[in-house]
Amino acid sequence: MSRVEDFLTRKEEQEIVQAILEAEKNTSGEIRVHIEAHTRLDHFERAKEVFHMLKMDNTKDENGVIIYVAVNDRKFAIYGDRGIDKVVPDNFWDTTKDTIESQFRKGNYKQGLINGILKAGKELEAHFPWHHGNENELSNEISKG
């Protein structure tokens, strides 16, 4: 797999967007997925850079999360905003990473992302429950670099 466009079909992308909508139903947290071919940076550092580039740090509760995938590098990273880091343990994202990685190892990229998104939503729900009046602050579409 060498091209971002070949990583997921349009139908698979829509299924991932649906998973984001589902995951965000019970949390005020905001989840996005960003896919690009390659980075020369450390993957976690690149995830942070893309997070800020997409203005995900502009949420009211500082509770945005990005799942970053570098297709050619066969790497991914999860980065959450300051509001999340203030209230969760250091290993908070480990179960979400494990969920994604177990499917990625089998070549099930769509399912890995869907499972990870739903897991992230559940994790966020405990610390950032949805309240009446919460609005969707960020796009749910997959961004690409």
C-alpha atoms as a PDB file:
ATOM      1  CA  MET A   1       0.000   0.000   0.000  1.00  0.00           C
ATOM      2  CA  SER A   2       1.802   3.116  -1.105  1.00  0.00           C
ATOM      3  CA  ARG A   3      -0.914   5.668  -1.670  1.00  0.00           C
ATOM      4  CA  VAL A   4      -3.245   7.386   0.717  1.00  0.00           C
ATOM      5  CA  GLU A   5      -6.094   7.079  -1.794  1.00  0.00           C
ATOM      6  CA  ASP A   6      -5.715   3.293  -1.825  1.00  0.00           C
ATOM      7  CA  PHE A   7      -5.672   2.933   1.968  1.00  0.00           C
ATOM      8  CA  LEU A   8      -9.469   3.080   2.323  1.00  0.00           C
ATOM      9  CA  THR A   9     -12.320   2.977  -0.168  1.00  0.00           C
ATOM     10  CA  ARG A  10     -14.891   5.767  -0.171  1.00  0.00           C
ATOM     11  CA  LYS A  11     -17.377   3.355   1.429  1.00  0.00           C
ATOM     12  CA  GLU A  12     -14.882   2.469   4.165  1.00  0.00           C
ATOM     13  CA  GLU A  13     -14.258   6.166   4.804  1.00  0.00           C
ATOM     14  CA  GLN A  14     -17.985   6.711   5.263  1.00  0.00           C
ATOM     15  CA  GLU A  15     -18.138   3.796   7.701  1.00  0.00           C
ATOM     16  CA  ILE A  16     -15.345   5.445   9.699  1.00  0.00           C
ATOM     17  CA  VAL A  17     -17.214   8.770   9.710  1.00  0.00           C
ATOM     18  CA  GLN A  18     -20.276   6.885  11.000  1.00  0.00           C
ATOM     19  CA  ALA A  19     -18.127   5.395  13.776  1.00  0.00           C
ATOM     20  CA  ILE A  20     -17.005   8.908  14.738  1.00  0.00           C
ATOM     21  CA  LEU A  21     -20.639  10.047  14.897  1.00  0.00           C
ATOM     22  CA  GLU A  22     -21.476   7.003  17.034  1.00  0.00           C
ATOM     23  CA  ALA A  23     -18.489   7.514  19.342  1.00  0.00           C
ATOM     24  CA  GLU A  24     -19.314  11.191  19.860  1.00  0.00           C
ATOM     25  CA  LYS A  25     -22.979  10.522  20.774  1.00  0.00           C
ATOM     26  CA  ASN A  26     -22.153  10.074  24.466  1.00  0.00           C
ATOM     27  CA  THR A  27     -19.167  12.384  24.890  1.00  0.00           C
ATOM     28  CA  SER A  28     -18.350  16.019  24.333  1.00  0.00           C
ATOM     29  CA  GLY A  29     -14.942  14.816  23.096  1.00  0.00           C
ATOM     30  CA  GLU A  30     -14.083  15.374  19.447  1.00  0.00           C
ATOM     31  CA  ILE A  31     -12.425  12.624  17.388  1.00  0.00           C
ATOM     32  CA  ARG A  32     -10.751  12.988  14.001  1.00  0.00           C
ATOM     33  CA  VAL A  33      -8.737  10.740  11.721  1.00  0.00           C
ATOM     34  CA  HIS A  34      -5.899  12.049   9.547  1.00  0.00           C
ATOM     35  CA  ILE A  35      -4.213   9.908   6.891  1.00  0.00           C
ATOM     36  CA  GLU A  36      -1.075  10.744   4.935  1.00  0.00           C
ATOM     37  CA  ALA A  37       1.600   8.821   3.081  1.00  0.00           C
ATOM     38  CA  HIS A  38       4.745   9.554   5.076  1.00  0.00           C
ATOM     39  CA  THR A  39       6.405  11.860   7.553  1.00  0.00           C
ATOM     40  CA  ARG A  40      10.048  12.551   8.327  1.00  0.00           C
ATOM     41  CA  LEU A  41       9.050  13.484  11.876  1.00  0.00           C
ATOM     42  CA  ASP A  42       8.453  11.202  14.820  1.00  0.00           C
ATOM     43  CA  HIS A  43       4.877   9.982  14.294  1.00  0.00           C
ATOM     44  CA  PHE A  44       3.611  11.279  17.633  1.00  0.00           C
ATOM     45  CA  GLU A  45       5.175  14.694  16.915  1.00  0.00           C
ATOM     46  CA  ARG A  46       3.554  14.722  13.473  1.00  0.00           C
ATOM     47  CA  ALA A  47       0.185  13.835  15.052  1.00  0.00           C
ATOM     48  CA  LYS A  48       0.587  16.855  17.363  1.00  0.00           C
ATOM     49  CA  GLU A  49       1.492  19.075  14.420  1.00  0.00           C
ATOM     50  CA  VAL A  50      -1.544  17.945  12.381  1.00  0.00           C
ATOM     51  CA  PHE A  51      -3.756  18.317  15.475  1.00  0.00           C
ATOM     52  CA  HIS A  52      -2.820  22.006  15.695  1.00  0.00           C
ATOM     53  CA  MET A  53      -2.920  22.476  11.908  1.00  0.00           C
ATOM     54  CA  LEU A  54      -6.540  21.222  11.884  1.00  0.00           C
ATOM     55  CA  LYS A  55      -7.318  23.629  14.752  1.00  0.00           C
ATOM     56  CA  MET A  56      -8.382  20.761  16.970  1.00  0.00           C
ATOM     57  CA  ASP A  57      -6.996  22.704  19.914  1.00  0.00           C
ATOM     58  CA  ASN A  58      -9.900  25.156  19.622  1.00  0.00           C
ATOM     59  CA  THR A  59     -12.495  23.025  21.413  1.00  0.00           C
ATOM     60  CA  LYS A  60     -14.149  24.497  24.478  1.00  0.00           C
ATOM     61  CA  ASP A  61     -13.089  21.686  26.838  1.00  0.00           C
ATOM     62  CA  GLU A  62      -9.739  21.001  25.133  1.00  0.00           C
ATOM     63  CA  ASN A  63     -10.905  17.439  24.526  1.00  0.00           C
ATOM     64  CA  GLY A  64     -10.071  16.747  20.911  1.00  0.00           C
ATOM     65  CA  VAL A  65      -8.338  13.531  19.829  1.00  0.00           C
ATOM     66  CA  ILE A  66      -6.612  12.740  16.573  1.00  0.00           C
ATOM     67  CA  ILE A  67      -5.796   9.307  15.232  1.00  0.00           C
ATOM     68  CA  TYR A  68      -2.923   9.897  12.826  1.00  0.00           C
ATOM     69  CA  VAL A  69      -1.929   7.279  10.221  1.00  0.00           C
ATOM     70  CA  ALA A  70       1.193   7.359   8.023  1.00  0.00           C
ATOM     71  CA  VAL A  71       0.351   4.734   5.394  1.00  0.00           C
ATOM     72  CA  ASN A  72       3.772   4.128   3.815  1.00  0.00           C
ATOM     73  CA  ASP A  73       5.482   4.139   7.213  1.00  0.00           C
ATOM     74  CA  ARG A  74       2.970   1.607   8.551  1.00  0.00           C
ATOM     75  CA  LYS A  75       2.696   3.677  11.748  1.00  0.00           C
ATOM     76  CA  PHE A  76      -0.035   5.466  13.645  1.00  0.00           C
ATOM     77  CA  ALA A  77      -0.289   7.680  16.710  1.00  0.00           C
ATOM     78  CA  ILE A  78      -3.013   9.009  18.974  1.00  0.00           C
ATOM     79  CA  TYR A  79      -2.808  12.516  20.383  1.00  0.00           C
ATOM     80  CA  GLY A  80      -5.258  14.088  22.816  1.00  0.00           C
ATOM     81  CA  ASP A  81      -5.543  17.732  23.865  1.00  0.00           C
ATOM     82  CA  ARG A  82      -4.579  19.314  27.207  1.00  0.00           C
ATOM     83  CA  GLY A  83      -8.023  18.966  28.746  1.00  0.00           C
ATOM     84  CA  ILE A  84      -7.801  15.207  28.377  1.00  0.00           C
ATOM     85  CA  ASP A  85      -4.243  15.012  29.682  1.00  0.00           C
ATOM     86  CA  LYS A  86      -5.262  16.916  32.826  1.00  0.00           C
ATOM     87  CA  VAL A  87      -7.772  14.269  33.929  1.00  0.00           C
ATOM     88  CA  VAL A  88      -6.582  10.898  32.631  1.00  0.00           C
ATOM     89  CA  PRO A  89      -3.719   8.558  33.620  1.00  0.00           C
ATOM     90  CA  ASP A  90      -0.528   8.477  31.530  1.00  0.00           C
ATOM     91  CA  ASN A  91      -1.437   5.174  29.857  1.00  0.00           C
ATOM     92  CA  PHE A  92      -4.962   6.335  28.961  1.00  0.00           C
ATOM     93  CA  TRP A  93      -4.606   5.699  25.204  1.00  0.00           C
ATOM     94  CA  ASP A  94      -2.884   2.294  25.496  1.00  0.00           C
ATOM     95  CA  THR A  95      -6.093   0.249  25.171  1.00  0.00           C
ATOM     96  CA  THR A  96      -7.179   2.298  22.158  1.00  0.00           C
ATOM     97  CA  LYS A  97      -3.746   1.841  20.548  1.00  0.00           C
ATOM     98  CA  ASP A  98      -3.875  -1.908  21.219  1.00  0.00           C
ATOM     99  CA  THR A  99      -7.364  -2.097  19.705  1.00  0.00           C
ATOM    100  CA  ILE A 100      -6.217  -0.395  16.495  1.00  0.00           C
ATOM    101  CA  GLU A 101      -2.932  -2.266  16.278  1.00  0.00           C
ATOM    102  CA  SER A 102      -4.504  -5.708  16.604  1.00  0.00           C
ATOM    103  CA  GLN A 103      -6.575  -5.093  13.453  1.00  0.00           C
ATOM    104  CA  PHE A 104      -3.835  -3.230  11.537  1.00  0.00           C
ATOM    105  CA  ARG A 105      -1.512  -6.243  11.976  1.00  0.00           C
ATOM    106  CA  LYS A 106      -4.116  -8.332  10.119  1.00  0.00           C
ATOM    107  CA  GLY A 107      -4.463  -5.730   7.352  1.00  0.00           C
ATOM    108  CA  ASN A 108      -7.927  -4.725   8.602  1.00  0.00           C
ATOM    109  CA  TYR A 109      -7.324  -0.966   8.477  1.00  0.00           C
ATOM    110  CA  LYS A 110     -10.943   0.121   8.347  1.00  0.00           C
ATOM    111  CA  GLN A 111     -11.918  -2.137  11.231  1.00  0.00           C
ATOM    112  CA  GLY A 112      -8.897  -1.062  13.252  1.00  0.00           C
ATOM    113  CA  LEU A 113      -9.887   2.585  12.905  1.00  0.00           C
ATOM    114  CA  ILE A 114     -13.556   1.888  13.648  1.00  0.00           C
ATOM    115  CA  ASN A 115     -12.729  -0.186  16.730  1.00  0.00           C
ATOM    116  CA  GLY A 116     -10.240   2.442  17.914  1.00  0.00           C
ATOM    117  CA  ILE A 117     -12.695   5.291  17.391  1.00  0.00           C
ATOM    118  CA  LEU A 118     -15.436   3.493  19.312  1.00  0.00           C
ATOM    119  CA  LYS A 119     -12.978   2.622  22.102  1.00  0.00           C
ATOM    120  CA  ALA A 120     -11.785   6.246  22.281  1.00  0.00           C
ATOM    121  CA  GLY A 121     -15.407   7.399  22.500  1.00  0.00           C
ATOM    122  CA  LYS A 122     -16.051   5.039  25.413  1.00  0.00           C
ATOM    123  CA  GLU A 123     -12.872   6.168  27.166  1.00  0.00           C
ATOM    124  CA  LEU A 124     -13.761   9.844  26.688  1.00  0.00           C
ATOM    125  CA  GLU A 125     -17.341   9.338  27.860  1.00  0.00           C
ATOM    126  CA  ALA A 126     -16.152   8.653  31.424  1.00  0.00           C
ATOM    127  CA  HIS A 127     -14.310  11.972  31.644  1.00  0.00           C
ATOM    128  CA  PHE A 128     -16.217  14.120  29.147  1.00  0.00           C
ATOM    129  CA  PRO A 129     -19.849  12.974  29.096  1.00  0.00           C
ATOM    130  CA  TRP A 130     -22.217  14.503  26.593  1.00  0.00           C
ATOM    131  CA  HIS A 131     -24.540  17.149  28.029  1.00  0.00           C
ATOM    132  CA  HIS A 132     -27.611  18.736  26.525  1.00  0.00           C
ATOM    133  CA  GLY A 133     -26.452  21.634  24.422  1.00  0.00           C
ATOM    134  CA  ASN A 134     -23.085  20.129  23.499  1.00  0.00           C
ATOM    135  CA  GLU A 135     -22.382  20.833  19.860  1.00  0.00           C
ATOM    136  CA  ASN A 136     -20.148  19.089  17.365  1.00  0.00           C
ATOM    137  CA  GLU A 137     -17.207  21.483  17.261  1.00  0.00           C
ATOM    138  CA  LEU A 138     -15.083  19.741  14.617  1.00  0.00           C
ATOM    139  CA  SER A 139     -15.615  18.066  11.277  1.00  0.00           C
ATOM    140  CA  ASN A 140     -16.021  14.292  11.369  1.00  0.00           C
ATOM    141  CA  GLU A 141     -14.586  13.855   7.877  1.00  0.00           C
ATOM    142  CA  ILE A 142     -11.258  12.106   7.430  1.00  0.00           C
ATOM    143  CA  SER A 143      -8.527  14.601   6.591  1.00  0.00           C
ATOM    144  CA  LYS A 144      -5.667  13.708   4.298  1.00  0.00           C
ATOM    145  CA  GLY A 145      -2.196  15.103   3.845  1.00  0.00           C
END
